[in-house]
Amino acid sequence: MTETFLLLQLDSEGAPYSKVAEILESMGFRPETEGYDFVYDWGRTVGVRETLELADRIQEALRGSRVAFRIESSED
């Protein structure tokens, strides 16, 4: 199964972390403590295209919040 990990870089002039977390959790992400900020558990194996589509949705959801992010996916 695929998991996609999300690492955030927040700007002090941007949205509060609590607001960013609320947005991401509403998208199905859960907080992560092992070197990343959030993880998305697909519940199945996915390909690059679906991962890129998720990145597009993250970008759209965080638009204007001054948050940079990095994603990395792995299979269990």
Protein backbone atom coordinates (compact mmCIF):
# COMPACT_ATOMS: atom_id res chain seq x y z
CA MET A 1 0.00 0.00 0.00
CA THR A 2 1.16 3.52 -0.76
CA GLU A 3 1.67 6.26 1.78
CA THR A 4 2.45 9.83 0.81
CA PHE A 5 4.43 11.88 3.29
CA LEU A 6 4.23 15.65 3.46
CA LEU A 7 6.88 18.02 4.78
CA LEU A 8 5.85 21.65 5.21
CA GLN A 9 7.80 24.87 5.29
CA LEU A 10 5.71 27.65 6.76
CA ASP A 11 6.28 31.37 6.37
CA SER A 12 5.97 33.51 9.50
CA GLU A 13 3.81 35.89 7.46
CA GLY A 14 1.55 33.10 6.21
CA ALA A 15 -1.38 31.10 7.54
CA PRO A 16 -1.21 29.76 11.11
CA TYR A 17 -0.08 26.15 11.40
CA SER A 18 -3.40 25.20 13.01
CA LYS A 19 -5.28 26.45 9.92
CA VAL A 20 -2.91 24.58 7.58
CA ALA A 21 -3.35 21.42 9.65
CA GLU A 22 -7.14 21.79 9.50
CA ILE A 23 -7.04 22.04 5.70
CA LEU A 24 -4.78 19.01 5.33
CA GLU A 25 -6.74 16.88 7.78
CA SER A 26 -9.95 17.68 5.88
CA MET A 27 -8.18 16.24 2.79
CA GLY A 28 -7.47 12.97 4.61
CA PHE A 29 -3.95 13.61 5.91
CA ARG A 30 -3.06 12.72 9.47
CA PRO A 31 -0.29 14.20 11.60
CA GLU A 32 3.00 12.30 11.45
CA THR A 33 5.86 12.29 13.96
CA GLU A 34 8.58 10.32 12.15
CA GLY A 35 10.42 13.06 10.25
CA TYR A 36 7.43 14.39 8.30
CA ASP A 37 4.53 16.65 9.22
CA PHE A 38 1.65 14.65 7.70
CA VAL A 39 0.96 11.35 5.98
CA TYR A 40 -1.76 10.30 3.53
CA ASP A 41 -2.56 6.58 3.57
CA TRP A 42 -4.02 5.61 0.21
CA GLY A 43 -5.15 2.20 1.43
CA ARG A 44 -3.92 0.74 -1.86
CA THR A 45 -1.01 0.97 -4.26
CA VAL A 46 -1.02 4.09 -6.48
CA GLY A 47 1.13 5.32 -9.32
CA VAL A 48 2.96 8.53 -10.03
CA ARG A 49 -0.02 10.13 -11.79
CA GLU A 50 -2.27 9.85 -8.73
CA THR A 51 0.49 11.16 -6.48
CA LEU A 52 0.92 14.18 -8.75
CA GLU A 53 -2.83 14.77 -8.74
CA LEU A 54 -2.73 14.76 -4.93
CA ALA A 55 0.10 17.31 -5.05
CA ASP A 56 -2.07 19.49 -7.31
CA ARG A 57 -4.94 19.29 -4.79
CA ILE A 58 -2.59 20.20 -1.93
CA GLN A 59 -1.27 23.17 -3.89
CA GLU A 60 -4.79 24.39 -4.63
CA ALA A 61 -5.95 23.93 -1.02
CA LEU A 62 -2.95 25.85 0.36
CA ARG A 63 -2.91 28.58 -2.30
CA GLY A 64 -2.33 31.97 -0.70
CA SER A 65 -1.26 30.56 2.65
CA ARG A 66 2.47 31.02 1.98
CA VAL A 67 3.27 27.37 2.67
CA ALA A 68 5.87 25.44 0.70
CA PHE A 69 5.67 21.67 0.76
CA ARG A 70 7.46 18.54 -0.34
CA ILE A 71 5.85 15.15 -0.87
CA GLU A 72 7.40 11.71 -0.93
CA SER A 73 5.58 8.44 -1.47
CA SER A 74 6.56 4.93 -0.52
CA GLU A 75 4.98 1.51 -0.60
CA ASP A 76 4.65 -0.66 2.46
